[in-house]
C-alpha atoms as a PDB file:
ATOM      1  CA  MET A   1     -62.329  87.759 -29.841  1.00  0.00           C
ATOM      2  CA  LYS A   2     -58.654  86.877 -30.266  1.00  0.00           C
ATOM      3  CA  ARG A   3     -56.810  89.090 -32.745  1.00  0.00           C
ATOM      4  CA  GLU A   4     -55.409  87.312 -35.799  1.00  0.00           C
ATOM      5  CA  HIS A   5     -51.710  86.495 -35.603  1.00  0.00           C
ATOM      6  CA  LEU A   6     -49.527  89.057 -37.374  1.00  0.00           C
ATOM      7  CA  ALA A   7     -47.384  86.809 -39.549  1.00  0.00           C
ATOM      8  CA  ALA A   8     -44.774  89.483 -40.284  1.00  0.00           C
ATOM      9  CA  VAL A   9     -43.698  89.406 -36.646  1.00  0.00           C
ATOM     10  CA  ASP A  10     -42.398  85.837 -37.008  1.00  0.00           C
ATOM     11  CA  LEU A  11     -39.478  86.899 -39.183  1.00  0.00           C
ATOM     12  CA  VAL A  12     -38.748  89.811 -36.840  1.00  0.00           C
ATOM     13  CA  ARG A  13     -38.377  87.319 -33.988  1.00  0.00           C
ATOM     14  CA  VAL A  14     -36.103  85.021 -35.965  1.00  0.00           C
ATOM     15  CA  LEU A  15     -33.819  87.821 -37.154  1.00  0.00           C
ATOM     16  CA  THR A  16     -33.640  89.493 -33.750  1.00  0.00           C
ATOM     17  CA  VAL A  17     -32.722  86.286 -31.944  1.00  0.00           C
ATOM     18  CA  GLY A  18     -30.087  85.773 -34.637  1.00  0.00           C
ATOM     19  CA  LEU A  19     -28.603  89.143 -33.688  1.00  0.00           C
ATOM     20  CA  VAL A  20     -28.643  88.172 -30.012  1.00  0.00           C
ATOM     21  CA  VAL A  21     -26.746  84.955 -30.691  1.00  0.00           C
ATOM     22  CA  GLY A  22     -24.379  86.889 -32.946  1.00  0.00           C
ATOM     23  CA  VAL A  23     -23.602  89.501 -30.291  1.00  0.00           C
ATOM     24  CA  HIS A  24     -22.893  86.923 -27.626  1.00  0.00           C
ATOM     25  CA  THR A  25     -20.712  84.885 -29.990  1.00  0.00           C
ATOM     26  CA  VAL A  26     -18.644  87.663 -31.536  1.00  0.00           C
ATOM     27  CA  SER A  27     -18.145  89.494 -28.233  1.00  0.00           C
ATOM     28  CA  GLN A  28     -16.462  86.384 -26.797  1.00  0.00           C
ATOM     29  CA  GLN A  29     -14.098  85.663 -29.674  1.00  0.00           C
ATOM     30  CA  PRO A  30     -10.372  85.274 -28.889  1.00  0.00           C
ATOM     31  CA  GLY A  31      -8.375  88.477 -28.919  1.00  0.00           C
ATOM     32  CA  GLY A  32     -11.208  90.590 -27.593  1.00  0.00           C
ATOM     33  CA  THR A  33     -12.892  93.425 -29.449  1.00  0.00           C
ATOM     34  CA  GLY A  34     -11.053  94.693 -32.511  1.00  0.00           C
ATOM     35  CA  LEU A  35     -12.028  96.936 -35.403  1.00  0.00           C
ATOM     36  CA  THR A  36     -13.856  94.217 -37.342  1.00  0.00           C
ATOM     37  CA  ASN A  37     -15.973  92.637 -34.642  1.00  0.00           C
ATOM     38  CA  GLY A  38     -16.306  96.001 -32.887  1.00  0.00           C
ATOM     39  CA  ALA A  39     -17.884  97.534 -35.982  1.00  0.00           C
ATOM     40  CA  LEU A  40     -20.183  94.526 -36.262  1.00  0.00           C
ATOM     41  CA  LEU A  41     -21.150  94.786 -32.603  1.00  0.00           C
ATOM     42  CA  THR A  42     -22.228  98.403 -33.054  1.00  0.00           C
ATOM     43  CA  VAL A  43     -24.839  97.052 -35.461  1.00  0.00           C
ATOM     44  CA  MET A  44     -25.853  93.857 -33.660  1.00  0.00           C
ATOM     45  CA  HIS A  45     -26.177  95.555 -30.274  1.00  0.00           C
ATOM     46  CA  VAL A  46     -29.596  96.768 -31.422  1.00  0.00           C
ATOM     47  CA  SER A  47     -31.005  93.334 -30.598  1.00  0.00           C
ATOM     48  CA  ARG A  48     -32.085  94.188 -27.045  1.00  0.00           C
ATOM     49  CA  GLU A  49     -33.783  97.411 -28.134  1.00  0.00           C
ATOM     50  CA  VAL A  50     -35.575  95.703 -31.018  1.00  0.00           C
ATOM     51  CA  PHE A  51     -36.849  93.117 -28.538  1.00  0.00           C
ATOM     52  CA  PHE A  52     -38.331  95.833 -26.315  1.00  0.00           C
ATOM     53  CA  LEU A  53     -39.961  97.497 -29.314  1.00  0.00           C
ATOM     54  CA  LEU A  54     -41.301  94.130 -30.462  1.00  0.00           C
ATOM     55  CA  THR A  55     -42.582  93.113 -27.036  1.00  0.00           C
ATOM     56  CA  ALA A  56     -44.490  96.364 -26.571  1.00  0.00           C
ATOM     57  CA  PHE A  57     -45.796  96.283 -30.142  1.00  0.00           C
ATOM     58  CA  VAL A  58     -47.136  92.727 -29.933  1.00  0.00           C
ATOM     59  CA  LEU A  59     -48.598  93.275 -26.478  1.00  0.00           C
ATOM     60  CA  CYS A  60     -50.408  96.489 -27.448  1.00  0.00           C
ATOM     61  CA  TYR A  61     -51.447  95.071 -30.829  1.00  0.00           C
ATOM     62  CA  SER A  62     -53.041  92.066 -29.144  1.00  0.00           C
ATOM     63  CA  TYR A  63     -55.153  94.341 -26.930  1.00  0.00           C
ATOM     64  CA  ARG A  64     -55.493  97.349 -29.239  1.00  0.00           C
ATOM     65  CA  ASP A  65     -59.309  97.419 -29.241  1.00  0.00           C
ATOM     66  CA  ARG A  66     -59.985  95.654 -25.977  1.00  0.00           C
ATOM     67  CA  GLU A  67     -58.502  95.021 -22.584  1.00  0.00           C
ATOM     68  CA  PRO A  68     -58.228  91.672 -20.805  1.00  0.00           C
ATOM     69  CA  ARG A  69     -61.470  90.580 -19.185  1.00  0.00           C
ATOM     70  CA  ARG A  70     -59.590  90.229 -15.926  1.00  0.00           C
ATOM     71  CA  TRP A  71     -56.179  91.725 -15.352  1.00  0.00           C
ATOM     72  CA  THR A  72     -55.441  89.076 -12.759  1.00  0.00           C
ATOM     73  CA  ALA A  73     -55.878  86.382 -15.415  1.00  0.00           C
ATOM     74  CA  PHE A  74     -53.646  88.343 -17.799  1.00  0.00           C
ATOM     75  CA  TRP A  75     -50.877  88.620 -15.206  1.00  0.00           C
ATOM     76  CA  LYS A  76     -51.228  84.991 -14.160  1.00  0.00           C
ATOM     77  CA  ARG A  77     -50.716  83.772 -17.719  1.00  0.00           C
ATOM     78  CA  ARG A  78     -47.848  86.123 -18.488  1.00  0.00           C
ATOM     79  CA  TYR A  79     -45.952  85.410 -15.303  1.00  0.00           C
ATOM     80  CA  LEU A  80     -46.460  81.679 -15.746  1.00  0.00           C
ATOM     81  CA  LEU A  81     -44.969  81.684 -19.246  1.00  0.00           C
ATOM     82  CA  VAL A  82     -42.113  84.086 -18.442  1.00  0.00           C
ATOM     83  CA  GLY A  83     -41.637  83.975 -14.681  1.00  0.00           C
ATOM     84  CA  VAL A  84     -41.267  80.208 -14.413  1.00  0.00           C
ATOM     85  CA  PRO A  85     -38.567  79.982 -17.140  1.00  0.00           C
ATOM     86  CA  TYR A  86     -36.854  83.004 -15.602  1.00  0.00           C
ATOM     87  CA  LEU A  87     -36.547  81.296 -12.233  1.00  0.00           C
ATOM     88  CA  VAL A  88     -35.536  77.928 -13.699  1.00  0.00           C
ATOM     89  CA  TRP A  89     -32.898  79.359 -16.018  1.00  0.00           C
ATOM     90  CA  SER A  90     -31.580  81.624 -13.267  1.00  0.00           C
ATOM     91  CA  VAL A  91     -30.907  78.501 -11.212  1.00  0.00           C
ATOM     92  CA  ILE A  92     -29.334  76.729 -14.202  1.00  0.00           C
ATOM     93  CA  TYR A  93     -26.973  79.602 -14.949  1.00  0.00           C
ATOM     94  CA  HIS A  94     -26.203  80.109 -11.277  1.00  0.00           C
ATOM     95  CA  LEU A  95     -24.996  76.512 -11.136  1.00  0.00           C
ATOM     96  CA  ALA A  96     -23.086  76.869 -14.410  1.00  0.00           C
ATOM     97  CA  VAL A  97     -21.453  80.245 -13.749  1.00  0.00           C
ATOM     98  CA  ARG A  98     -21.770  81.046 -10.019  1.00  0.00           C
ATOM     99  CA  ASN A  99     -21.158  84.780 -10.272  1.00  0.00           C
ATOM    100  CA  ASP A 100     -23.096  85.863  -7.187  1.00  0.00           C
ATOM    101  CA  GLY A 101     -25.654  84.712  -4.650  1.00  0.00           C
ATOM    102  CA  LEU A 102     -28.718  83.157  -6.281  1.00  0.00           C
ATOM    103  CA  ALA A 103     -31.227  85.420  -4.527  1.00  0.00           C
ATOM    104  CA  ARG A 104     -29.380  88.532  -5.662  1.00  0.00           C
ATOM    105  CA  GLU A 105     -29.109  87.198  -9.213  1.00  0.00           C
ATOM    106  CA  ILE A 106     -32.852  86.550  -9.369  1.00  0.00           C
ATOM    107  CA  LEU A 107     -33.663  90.026  -8.057  1.00  0.00           C
ATOM    108  CA  THR A 108     -31.291  91.764 -10.475  1.00  0.00           C
ATOM    109  CA  GLY A 109     -31.494  89.518 -13.550  1.00  0.00           C
ATOM    110  CA  THR A 110     -27.760  88.814 -13.455  1.00  0.00           C
ATOM    111  CA  ALA A 111     -27.579  85.019 -13.268  1.00  0.00           C
ATOM    112  CA  GLN A 112     -26.484  85.299 -16.896  1.00  0.00           C
ATOM    113  CA  TYR A 113     -25.934  88.280 -19.160  1.00  0.00           C
ATOM    114  CA  HIS A 114     -29.222  87.961 -21.076  1.00  0.00           C
ATOM    115  CA  LEU A 115     -31.781  87.267 -18.343  1.00  0.00           C
ATOM    116  CA  TYR A 116     -32.351  90.969 -17.587  1.00  0.00           C
ATOM    117  CA  PHE A 117     -34.735  90.994 -20.568  1.00  0.00           C
ATOM    118  CA  LEU A 118     -37.163  88.660 -18.829  1.00  0.00           C
ATOM    119  CA  LEU A 119     -37.040  90.753 -15.678  1.00  0.00           C
ATOM    120  CA  VAL A 120     -37.816  93.926 -17.634  1.00  0.00           C
ATOM    121  CA  SER A 121     -40.582  92.137 -19.556  1.00  0.00           C
ATOM    122  CA  MET A 122     -42.263  91.164 -16.293  1.00  0.00           C
ATOM    123  CA  GLN A 123     -42.143  94.805 -15.209  1.00  0.00           C
ATOM    124  CA  LEU A 124     -43.803  95.755 -18.496  1.00  0.00           C
ATOM    125  CA  TYR A 125     -46.596  93.242 -17.906  1.00  0.00           C
ATOM    126  CA  LEU A 126     -47.172  94.758 -14.478  1.00  0.00           C
ATOM    127  CA  VAL A 127     -47.592  98.313 -15.783  1.00  0.00           C
ATOM    128  CA  PHE A 128     -49.299  97.378 -19.050  1.00  0.00           C
ATOM    129  CA  PRO A 129     -52.660  98.789 -17.836  1.00  0.00           C
ATOM    130  CA  LEU A 130     -50.911 102.139 -17.290  1.00  0.00           C
ATOM    131  CA  LEU A 131     -49.370 102.012 -20.770  1.00  0.00           C
ATOM    132  CA  ARG A 132     -52.805 101.445 -22.299  1.00  0.00           C
ATOM    133  CA  ARG A 133     -54.176 104.392 -20.330  1.00  0.00           C
ATOM    134  CA  LEU A 134     -51.322 106.603 -21.501  1.00  0.00           C
ATOM    135  CA  LEU A 135     -51.938 105.696 -25.138  1.00  0.00           C
ATOM    136  CA  SER A 136     -55.659 106.301 -24.700  1.00  0.00           C
ATOM    137  CA  ALA A 137     -55.249 109.596 -22.850  1.00  0.00           C
ATOM    138  CA  THR A 138     -52.897 110.972 -25.514  1.00  0.00           C
ATOM    139  CA  ALA A 139     -55.028 109.914 -28.493  1.00  0.00           C
ATOM    140  CA  GLY A 140     -54.720 112.574 -31.171  1.00  0.00           C
ATOM    141  CA  ARG A 141     -51.363 113.668 -29.763  1.00  0.00           C
ATOM    142  CA  HIS A 142     -49.317 110.554 -30.442  1.00  0.00           C
ATOM    143  CA  GLY A 143     -46.931 112.515 -32.652  1.00  0.00           C
ATOM    144  CA  ARG A 144     -45.871 114.573 -29.651  1.00  0.00           C
ATOM    145  CA  LEU A 145     -45.721 111.487 -27.450  1.00  0.00           C
ATOM    146  CA  LEU A 146     -43.509 109.793 -30.042  1.00  0.00           C
ATOM    147  CA  THR A 147     -41.125 112.746 -30.020  1.00  0.00           C
ATOM    148  CA  VAL A 148     -40.966 112.771 -26.230  1.00  0.00           C
ATOM    149  CA  ALA A 149     -40.326 109.001 -26.144  1.00  0.00           C
ATOM    150  CA  VAL A 150     -37.452 109.196 -28.640  1.00  0.00           C
ATOM    151  CA  VAL A 151     -35.842 112.180 -26.900  1.00  0.00           C
ATOM    152  CA  TYR A 152     -36.231 110.436 -23.547  1.00  0.00           C
ATOM    153  CA  GLN A 153     -34.526 107.292 -24.833  1.00  0.00           C
ATOM    154  CA  LEU A 154     -31.671 109.232 -26.402  1.00  0.00           C
ATOM    155  CA  ALA A 155     -31.138 111.082 -23.124  1.00  0.00           C
ATOM    156  CA  ALA A 156     -31.358 107.874 -21.092  1.00  0.00           C
ATOM    157  CA  TYR A 157     -28.651 106.229 -23.189  1.00  0.00           C
ATOM    158  CA  HIS A 158     -26.446 109.324 -22.969  1.00  0.00           C
ATOM    159  CA  PHE A 159     -26.752 110.164 -19.284  1.00  0.00           C
ATOM    160  CA  LEU A 160     -27.718 106.877 -17.638  1.00  0.00           C
ATOM    161  CA  HIS A 161     -26.320 103.378 -17.576  1.00  0.00           C
ATOM    162  CA  PRO A 162     -29.416 101.294 -18.321  1.00  0.00           C
ATOM    163  CA  ASN A 163     -29.991  98.245 -16.184  1.00  0.00           C
ATOM    164  CA  ALA A 164     -32.731  95.717 -15.507  1.00  0.00           C
ATOM    165  CA  LEU A 165     -35.340  98.382 -14.749  1.00  0.00           C
ATOM    166  CA  LEU A 166     -38.144  99.189 -17.184  1.00  0.00           C
ATOM    167  CA  ILE A 167     -37.478 102.916 -16.871  1.00  0.00           C
ATOM    168  CA  SER A 168     -34.189 102.370 -18.715  1.00  0.00           C
ATOM    169  CA  TYR A 169     -36.038 101.281 -21.880  1.00  0.00           C
ATOM    170  CA  LEU A 170     -39.299 103.181 -21.455  1.00  0.00           C
ATOM    171  CA  GLY A 171     -38.929 105.127 -24.700  1.00  0.00           C
ATOM    172  CA  PHE A 172     -38.783 101.932 -26.755  1.00  0.00           C
ATOM    173  CA  VAL A 173     -41.869 100.593 -24.986  1.00  0.00           C
ATOM    174  CA  VAL A 174     -43.878 103.740 -25.693  1.00  0.00           C
ATOM    175  CA  VAL A 175     -42.806 103.831 -29.351  1.00  0.00           C
ATOM    176  CA  GLY A 176     -43.775 100.175 -29.766  1.00  0.00           C
ATOM    177  CA  GLY A 177     -47.141 100.913 -28.174  1.00  0.00           C
ATOM    178  CA  ILE A 178     -47.781 103.885 -30.465  1.00  0.00           C
ATOM    179  CA  ALA A 179     -46.941 101.801 -33.542  1.00  0.00           C
ATOM    180  CA  ALA A 180     -49.369  99.096 -32.418  1.00  0.00           C
ATOM    181  CA  THR A 181     -52.127 101.620 -31.716  1.00  0.00           C
ATOM    182  CA  HIS A 182     -51.887 102.810 -35.323  1.00  0.00           C
ATOM    183  CA  ALA A 183     -51.099  99.354 -36.710  1.00  0.00           C
ATOM    184  CA  PRO A 184     -53.257  99.426 -39.891  1.00  0.00           C
ATOM    185  CA  ALA A 185     -51.829 102.760 -41.038  1.00  0.00           C
ATOM    186  CA  PHE A 186     -48.315 101.938 -39.850  1.00  0.00           C
ATOM    187  CA  LEU A 187     -48.243  98.549 -41.589  1.00  0.00           C
ATOM    188  CA  ALA A 188     -49.642 100.058 -44.792  1.00  0.00           C
ATOM    189  CA  LEU A 189     -46.983 102.778 -44.680  1.00  0.00           C
ATOM    190  CA  THR A 190     -44.301 100.143 -44.180  1.00  0.00           C
ATOM    191  CA  ARG A 191     -45.534  98.116 -47.151  1.00  0.00           C
ATOM    192  CA  ARG A 192     -45.554 101.174 -49.426  1.00  0.00           C
ATOM    193  CA  HIS A 193     -42.057 102.336 -48.552  1.00  0.00           C
ATOM    194  CA  GLN A 194     -40.084  99.126 -48.066  1.00  0.00           C
ATOM    195  CA  GLY A 195     -37.289 100.192 -50.391  1.00  0.00           C
ATOM    196  CA  ARG A 196     -36.854 103.538 -48.675  1.00  0.00           C
ATOM    197  CA  ILE A 197     -36.899 101.892 -45.256  1.00  0.00           C
ATOM    198  CA  PHE A 198     -34.132  99.460 -46.239  1.00  0.00           C
ATOM    199  CA  THR A 199     -32.077 102.275 -47.778  1.00  0.00           C
ATOM    200  CA  GLY A 200     -32.566 104.514 -44.766  1.00  0.00           C
ATOM    201  CA  THR A 201     -31.544 101.710 -42.435  1.00  0.00           C
ATOM    202  CA  ALA A 202     -28.370 101.107 -44.439  1.00  0.00           C
ATOM    203  CA  VAL A 203     -27.504 104.804 -44.122  1.00  0.00           C
ATOM    204  CA  VAL A 204     -28.145 104.810 -40.361  1.00  0.00           C
ATOM    205  CA  LEU A 205     -26.047 101.677 -39.830  1.00  0.00           C
ATOM    206  CA  ALA A 206     -23.234 103.093 -41.960  1.00  0.00           C
ATOM    207  CA  ALA A 207     -23.324 106.221 -39.808  1.00  0.00           C
ATOM    208  CA  GLY A 208     -23.203 104.062 -36.675  1.00  0.00           C
ATOM    209  CA  ILE A 209     -20.149 102.190 -37.933  1.00  0.00           C
ATOM    210  CA  GLY A 210     -18.611 105.498 -38.998  1.00  0.00           C
ATOM    211  CA  TRP A 211     -19.077 106.892 -35.492  1.00  0.00           C
ATOM    212  CA  PHE A 212     -17.428 103.764 -34.078  1.00  0.00           C
ATOM    213  CA  LEU A 213     -14.395 104.313 -36.324  1.00  0.00           C
ATOM    214  CA  VAL A 214     -14.236 108.012 -35.449  1.00  0.00           C
ATOM    215  CA  GLN A 215     -14.205 107.182 -31.755  1.00  0.00           C
ATOM    216  CA  VAL A 216     -11.405 104.635 -32.159  1.00  0.00           C
ATOM    217  CA  LEU A 217      -9.219 106.204 -34.855  1.00  0.00           C
ATOM    218  CA  LEU A 218      -9.674 109.918 -34.153  1.00  0.00           C
ATOM    219  CA  LEU A 219     -10.789 110.249 -30.537  1.00  0.00           C
ATOM    220  CA  GLY A 220      -8.526 107.527 -29.164  1.00  0.00           C
ATOM    221  CA  ARG A 221     -11.253 105.563 -27.398  1.00  0.00           C
ATOM    222  CA  SER A 222     -10.953 101.825 -26.907  1.00  0.00           C
ATOM    223  CA  THR A 223     -12.840  99.505 -29.239  1.00  0.00           C
ATOM    224  CA  VAL A 224     -14.798  98.219 -26.240  1.00  0.00           C
ATOM    225  CA  THR A 225     -15.997 101.703 -25.318  1.00  0.00           C
ATOM    226  CA  ALA A 226     -16.716 102.675 -28.915  1.00  0.00           C
ATOM    227  CA  SER A 227     -18.810  99.550 -29.525  1.00  0.00           C
ATOM    228  CA  ALA A 228     -20.750  99.744 -26.250  1.00  0.00           C
ATOM    229  CA  VAL A 229     -24.495  99.243 -26.452  1.00  0.00           C
ATOM    230  CA  PHE A 230     -25.497 102.231 -24.332  1.00  0.00           C
ATOM    231  CA  GLN A 231     -24.914 105.043 -26.820  1.00  0.00           C
ATOM    232  CA  PRO A 232     -27.469 107.386 -28.410  1.00  0.00           C
ATOM    233  CA  VAL A 233     -26.439 106.174 -31.864  1.00  0.00           C
ATOM    234  CA  VAL A 234     -27.632 102.679 -30.927  1.00  0.00           C
ATOM    235  CA  VAL A 235     -31.091 104.105 -30.205  1.00  0.00           C
ATOM    236  CA  LEU A 236     -31.325 105.414 -33.764  1.00  0.00           C
ATOM    237  CA  GLU A 237     -29.934 102.185 -35.196  1.00  0.00           C
ATOM    238  CA  SER A 238     -32.498 100.205 -33.204  1.00  0.00           C
ATOM    239  CA  PHE A 239     -35.495 102.068 -34.588  1.00  0.00           C
ATOM    240  CA  ALA A 240     -34.132 101.685 -38.116  1.00  0.00           C
ATOM    241  CA  VAL A 241     -33.363  97.968 -37.818  1.00  0.00           C
ATOM    242  CA  ALA A 242     -36.697  97.197 -36.169  1.00  0.00           C
ATOM    243  CA  TRP A 243     -38.553  98.939 -38.984  1.00  0.00           C
ATOM    244  CA  SER A 244     -36.490  97.121 -41.619  1.00  0.00           C
ATOM    245  CA  PHE A 245     -37.138  93.762 -39.954  1.00  0.00           C
ATOM    246  CA  LEU A 246     -40.869  94.498 -39.995  1.00  0.00           C
ATOM    247  CA  ALA A 247     -40.687  95.549 -43.645  1.00  0.00           C
ATOM    248  CA  ALA A 248     -38.895  92.290 -44.446  1.00  0.00           C
ATOM    249  CA  GLY A 249     -41.529  90.344 -42.531  1.00  0.00           C
ATOM    250  CA  LEU A 250     -44.340  92.048 -44.449  1.00  0.00           C
ATOM    251  CA  ALA A 251     -42.572  91.380 -47.745  1.00  0.00           C
ATOM    252  CA  TRP A 252     -42.290  87.697 -46.839  1.00  0.00           C
ATOM    253  CA  GLU A 253     -45.657  87.056 -45.220  1.00  0.00           C
ATOM    254  CA  SER A 254     -46.067  83.848 -47.223  1.00  0.00           C
ATOM    255  CA  ARG A 255     -43.093  82.558 -45.268  1.00  0.00           C
ATOM    256  CA  PRO A 256     -41.934  78.940 -45.351  1.00  0.00           C
ATOM    257  CA  ARG A 257     -42.774  76.657 -42.460  1.00  0.00           C
ATOM    258  CA  TRP A 258     -39.264  76.867 -40.987  1.00  0.00           C
ATOM    259  CA  VAL A 259     -39.740  80.573 -40.224  1.00  0.00           C
ATOM    260  CA  ARG A 260     -42.812  79.813 -38.121  1.00  0.00           C
ATOM    261  CA  THR A 261     -40.986  76.933 -36.404  1.00  0.00           C
ATOM    262  CA  ALA A 262     -37.967  79.113 -35.627  1.00  0.00           C
ATOM    263  CA  ALA A 263     -40.222  81.923 -34.414  1.00  0.00           C
ATOM    264  CA  ASP A 264     -42.109  79.575 -32.090  1.00  0.00           C
ATOM    265  CA  ALA A 265     -38.763  78.364 -30.736  1.00  0.00           C
ATOM    266  CA  SER A 266     -37.263  81.859 -30.427  1.00  0.00           C
ATOM    267  CA  PHE A 267     -37.882  82.299 -26.696  1.00  0.00           C
ATOM    268  CA  GLY A 268     -36.278  78.946 -25.939  1.00  0.00           C
ATOM    269  CA  VAL A 269     -33.325  79.778 -28.188  1.00  0.00           C
ATOM    270  CA  TYR A 270     -32.890  83.059 -26.351  1.00  0.00           C
ATOM    271  CA  LEU A 271     -32.903  81.298 -22.997  1.00  0.00           C
ATOM    272  CA  ALA A 272     -30.538  78.451 -23.887  1.00  0.00           C
ATOM    273  CA  HIS A 273     -27.931  79.802 -26.300  1.00  0.00           C
ATOM    274  CA  PRO A 274     -25.460  81.192 -23.688  1.00  0.00           C
ATOM    275  CA  LEU A 275     -25.243  77.726 -22.150  1.00  0.00           C
ATOM    276  CA  ILE A 276     -24.343  76.256 -25.551  1.00  0.00           C
ATOM    277  CA  LEU A 277     -21.740  78.961 -26.128  1.00  0.00           C
ATOM    278  CA  GLN A 278     -20.276  78.330 -22.686  1.00  0.00           C
ATOM    279  CA  ALA A 279     -20.036  74.616 -23.479  1.00  0.00           C
ATOM    280  CA  LEU A 280     -18.292  75.302 -26.805  1.00  0.00           C
ATOM    281  CA  LEU A 281     -15.741  77.536 -25.096  1.00  0.00           C
ATOM    282  CA  ALA A 282     -15.168  74.887 -22.431  1.00  0.00           C
ATOM    283  CA  LEU A 283     -14.540  72.348 -25.203  1.00  0.00           C
ATOM    284  CA  GLY A 284     -11.757  74.535 -26.603  1.00  0.00           C
ATOM    285  CA  LEU A 285     -13.420  76.419 -29.449  1.00  0.00           C
ATOM    286  CA  GLY A 286     -11.837  79.687 -28.351  1.00  0.00           C
ATOM    287  CA  THR A 287      -8.404  78.099 -28.069  1.00  0.00           C
ATOM    288  CA  ALA A 288      -8.709  76.588 -31.543  1.00  0.00           C
ATOM    289  CA  ALA A 289      -9.466  80.001 -33.026  1.00  0.00           C
ATOM    290  CA  ALA A 290      -6.853  81.904 -31.023  1.00  0.00           C
ATOM    291  CA  GLY A 291      -4.178  81.710 -33.722  1.00  0.00           C
ATOM    292  CA  LEU A 292      -6.382  83.089 -36.492  1.00  0.00           C
ATOM    293  CA  PRO A 293      -6.611  86.763 -37.495  1.00  0.00           C
ATOM    294  CA  GLY A 294      -9.469  88.603 -35.793  1.00  0.00           C
ATOM    295  CA  PRO A 295     -11.451  89.319 -38.991  1.00  0.00           C
ATOM    296  CA  VAL A 296     -11.265  85.639 -39.966  1.00  0.00           C
ATOM    297  CA  VAL A 297     -12.540  84.599 -36.545  1.00  0.00           C
ATOM    298  CA  THR A 298     -15.424  87.058 -36.858  1.00  0.00           C
ATOM    299  CA  VAL A 299     -16.406  85.696 -40.266  1.00  0.00           C
ATOM    300  CA  LEU A 300     -16.253  82.102 -39.023  1.00  0.00           C
ATOM    301  CA  ALA A 301     -18.241  83.024 -35.927  1.00  0.00           C
ATOM    302  CA  MET A 302     -21.035  84.582 -37.973  1.00  0.00           C
ATOM    303  CA  THR A 303     -21.138  82.026 -40.791  1.00  0.00           C
ATOM    304  CA  VAL A 304     -20.494  78.800 -38.857  1.00  0.00           C
ATOM    305  CA  VAL A 305     -20.854  79.119 -35.084  1.00  0.00           C
ATOM    306  CA  VAL A 306     -23.949  81.335 -34.965  1.00  0.00           C
ATOM    307  CA  PRO A 307     -26.006  79.235 -37.430  1.00  0.00           C
ATOM    308  CA  LEU A 308     -25.002  75.986 -35.701  1.00  0.00           C
ATOM    309  CA  VAL A 309     -25.840  77.313 -32.231  1.00  0.00           C
ATOM    310  CA  TYR A 310     -29.131  78.731 -33.490  1.00  0.00           C
ATOM    311  CA  LEU A 311     -30.187  75.561 -35.313  1.00  0.00           C
ATOM    312  CA  GLY A 312     -29.045  73.365 -32.438  1.00  0.00           C
ATOM    313  CA  CYS A 313     -31.132  75.385 -29.998  1.00  0.00           C
ATOM    314  CA  VAL A 314     -34.175  75.276 -32.292  1.00  0.00           C
ATOM    315  CA  ALA A 315     -33.883  71.497 -32.548  1.00  0.00           C
ATOM    316  CA  GLY A 316     -33.566  71.191 -28.785  1.00  0.00           C
ATOM    317  CA  VAL A 317     -36.574  73.438 -28.190  1.00  0.00           C
ATOM    318  CA  VAL A 318     -38.721  71.480 -30.657  1.00  0.00           C
ATOM    319  CA  LEU A 319     -37.913  68.285 -28.765  1.00  0.00           C
ATOM    320  CA  LEU A 320     -38.482  69.861 -25.345  1.00  0.00           C
ATOM    321  CA  ARG A 321     -41.862  71.181 -26.472  1.00  0.00           C
ATOM    322  CA  ARG A 322     -43.130  67.593 -26.409  1.00  0.00           C
ATOM    323  CA  THR A 323     -42.075  66.972 -22.810  1.00  0.00           C
ATOM    324  CA  PRO A 324     -43.126  68.180 -19.340  1.00  0.00           C
ATOM    325  CA  LEU A 325     -40.001  70.380 -19.404  1.00  0.00           C
ATOM    326  CA  SER A 326     -41.536  72.565 -22.103  1.00  0.00           C
ATOM    327  CA  LEU A 327     -42.941  75.232 -19.791  1.00  0.00           C
ATOM    328  CA  PRO A 328     -39.959  75.700 -17.450  1.00  0.00           C
ATOM    329  CA  LEU A 329     -37.347  75.564 -20.217  1.00  0.00           C
ATOM    330  CA  THR A 330     -39.070  77.087 -23.276  1.00  0.00           C
ATOM    331  CA  GLY A 331     -41.918  79.188 -21.899  1.00  0.00           C
ATOM    332  CA  HIS A 332     -44.587  77.148 -23.679  1.00  0.00           C
ATOM    333  CA  THR A 333     -46.956  74.469 -22.536  1.00  0.00           C
ATOM    334  CA  ILE A 334     -46.569  71.068 -24.179  1.00  0.00           C
ATOM    335  CA  SER A 335     -46.953  70.847 -27.961  1.00  0.00           C
ATOM    336  CA  TYR A 336     -48.905  67.777 -29.050  1.00  0.00           C
ATOM    337  CA  GLY A 337     -48.380  66.699 -32.629  1.00  0.00           C
ATOM    338  CA  GLY A 338     -47.398  70.191 -33.679  1.00  0.00           C
ATOM    339  CA  LEU A 339     -50.503  71.820 -32.167  1.00  0.00           C
ATOM    340  CA  LEU A 340     -49.307  74.638 -29.957  1.00  0.00           C
ATOM    341  CA  CYS A 341     -51.184  74.852 -26.680  1.00  0.00           C
ATOM    342  CA  ALA A 342     -49.753  78.191 -25.575  1.00  0.00           C
ATOM    343  CA  ARG A 343     -48.523  81.018 -27.741  1.00  0.00           C
ATOM    344  CA  ARG A 344     -45.332  82.948 -27.132  1.00  0.00           C
ATOM    345  CA  THR A 345     -45.616  85.965 -24.904  1.00  0.00           C
ATOM    346  CA  ALA A 346     -43.753  88.658 -26.769  1.00  0.00           C
END
């Protein structure tokens, strides 16, 4: 029997994709990374980690009490809905950017700066049976497993330079799986302590921004280095933001229709938004903003550019969902009259 859709996840998707678009917009503003957009980037960089937590959570939640009847059917569906868009968009970005040879870009997830996520997701689908076995074998000891996963991820971000390999984000995957395994208790806990979760997240993010300022103003590090995504502090920020997003989703479960629409379009928005940003830069948006103070550009980017890019991508995805291009470009089969024929995969 198919598990009921967890409505709270819709808002998590929408907010996380918003962070992704925000990161890729603000990081390309004229003048480079300064104090204002650098501080903001230290917060928004959690988007990739939240996505890995979310992907593992939804995947394990969907199969919490059962496993697929046939793993081959599971893999076929997942790779159809993710692998096909990955290949198509790799070709599109190769033609638009031409950074490297196409074959190498496909193997490494580097045709564009965001496609690594799809490559890592496909690795997760491959080892999902092993993840389920791990969670089952450690039943009753998930507290220890949680500790090991968090320590592992902190160490990975301190000592390694994560890339498009699942091992780089394994801690997030395990934590997401543990949360899904204990979903009823975890969701109830989240509902009871929403205020504390939001407050705790604010404290963690303030500490993250504070560490950014310490690195720049006291330790003499560049704003680019201080705002880099691969820092242990980002791991802590990611767990906090993900939990707050879930708390917000649970508080707003009777969400308006636009949240569900945006959530259904989120994968397509993720795939397409760098192309829109590239087009805007080619049309002179960066040049037009070059004479403005950095903080003003950051505010305009977040309040004007990001919403317009997001809404434009959602509109484009909704239209594509009614065409044969739906699967290769949005990761969904065709939507007829608003009836979705294939659900999102993460």
